[in-house]
Protein backbone atom coordinates (compact mmCIF):
# COMPACT_ATOMS: atom_id res chain seq x y z
CA MET A 1 7.71 -5.19 9.77
CA ILE A 2 3.86 -5.78 9.80
CA ALA A 3 2.61 -8.76 8.48
CA ASP A 4 -0.36 -10.97 9.01
CA LYS A 5 -1.08 -13.95 11.38
CA GLY A 6 0.15 -16.66 8.56
CA TYR A 7 3.81 -15.24 9.59
CA ASP A 8 3.30 -15.62 13.58
CA SER A 9 6.20 -17.99 14.34
CA ASP A 10 8.91 -17.64 16.84
CA SER A 11 11.68 -18.58 13.94
CA VAL A 12 10.26 -15.61 11.46
CA ILE A 13 9.92 -13.09 14.42
CA GLU A 14 13.65 -14.10 15.75
CA LYS A 15 15.03 -13.36 12.30
CA ILE A 16 13.10 -10.03 12.23
CA GLU A 17 14.20 -9.08 15.41
CA ALA A 18 17.69 -10.12 14.80
CA VAL A 19 17.82 -7.58 11.72
CA GLY A 20 16.67 -4.74 14.28
CA ALA A 21 13.17 -4.17 12.80
CA LYS A 22 10.05 -3.85 15.34
CA VAL A 23 7.49 -6.80 14.71
CA VAL A 24 3.78 -5.99 14.30
CA ILE A 25 2.57 -9.61 13.64
CA PRO A 26 -1.02 -10.44 15.75
CA PRO A 27 -0.19 -13.73 17.53
CA LYS A 28 -2.51 -16.89 16.54
CA SER A 29 -5.43 -17.93 18.71
CA ASN A 30 -3.86 -20.76 19.57
CA ARG A 31 -0.54 -19.21 21.02
CA LYS A 32 -0.15 -20.46 24.52
CA ASN A 33 1.82 -17.08 25.24
CA PRO A 34 0.24 -14.15 22.68
CA ARG A 35 3.01 -11.16 22.74
CA ARG A 36 1.77 -7.81 22.46
CA TYR A 37 2.00 -5.90 19.35
CA SER A 38 0.85 -2.41 18.25
CA LYS A 39 -2.93 -2.78 16.68
CA ARG A 40 -2.77 0.89 15.49
CA MET A 41 0.38 0.22 13.39
CA TYR A 42 -1.60 -3.12 12.16
CA LYS A 43 -4.44 -1.45 10.80
CA GLU A 44 -2.40 0.86 8.81
CA ARG A 45 -1.37 -2.02 6.90
CA ASN A 46 -4.72 -2.12 5.23
CA VAL A 47 -4.27 1.01 3.90
CA ILE A 48 -0.58 -0.37 2.01
CA GLU A 49 -2.32 -3.51 0.45
CA ARG A 50 -5.75 -1.57 -0.64
CA PHE A 51 -3.26 0.84 -2.59
CA PHE A 52 -1.31 -1.89 -4.14
CA ALA A 53 -4.71 -3.54 -5.31
CA ARG A 54 -5.60 -0.22 -6.93
CA LEU A 55 -2.03 0.25 -8.37
CA LYS A 56 -2.34 -3.61 -10.05
CA GLN A 57 -5.28 -2.36 -11.61
CA TRP A 58 -2.77 -0.44 -13.74
CA ARG A 59 -2.49 -3.33 -16.86
CA GLY A 60 0.86 -1.60 -17.66
CA VAL A 61 1.95 -2.17 -14.02
CA ALA A 62 0.72 -5.78 -12.95
CA THR A 63 1.98 -7.10 -16.22
CA ARG A 64 5.18 -5.32 -16.83
CA TYR A 65 5.19 -4.51 -20.42
CA GLU A 66 8.06 -2.07 -20.53
CA LYS A 67 10.98 -3.61 -21.34
CA THR A 68 13.51 -1.46 -19.19
CA ILE A 69 13.50 -0.80 -15.60
CA GLU A 70 13.50 3.10 -16.27
CA SER A 71 10.36 2.78 -18.19
CA TYR A 72 8.79 0.56 -15.91
CA MET A 73 9.37 2.54 -12.98
CA ALA A 74 8.32 5.82 -14.93
CA MET A 75 4.78 4.05 -15.50
CA VAL A 76 4.51 3.01 -11.62
CA PHE A 77 5.17 6.49 -11.02
CA ILE A 78 2.85 7.75 -13.43
CA ALA A 79 0.08 5.67 -12.13
CA CYS A 80 0.95 6.44 -8.39
CA ALA A 81 0.36 10.33 -9.44
CA MET A 82 -2.92 9.39 -10.96
CA LEU A 83 -3.90 7.23 -8.12
CA TRP A 84 -2.92 10.40 -5.77
CA LEU A 85 -5.06 12.68 -7.86
CA LEU A 86 -8.02 10.82 -7.49
């Protein structure tokens, strides 16, 4: 799980590790014992966030005008395909 410094608490990290996921959360600057994390994987988080920001520019996706999940997912797939082509 990749998250920002706001999720750097021992309880959150313990829950993530209990599920068996890898924790990629940079430690806060005031942490006494900072733990290690993959800086390379954390940088990839930015790519995902920028993609969702561009996806939300599609008004139909952001406001969910479609009534059924099938038509909404079709709109999401169309928007993703258009973003991929651009």
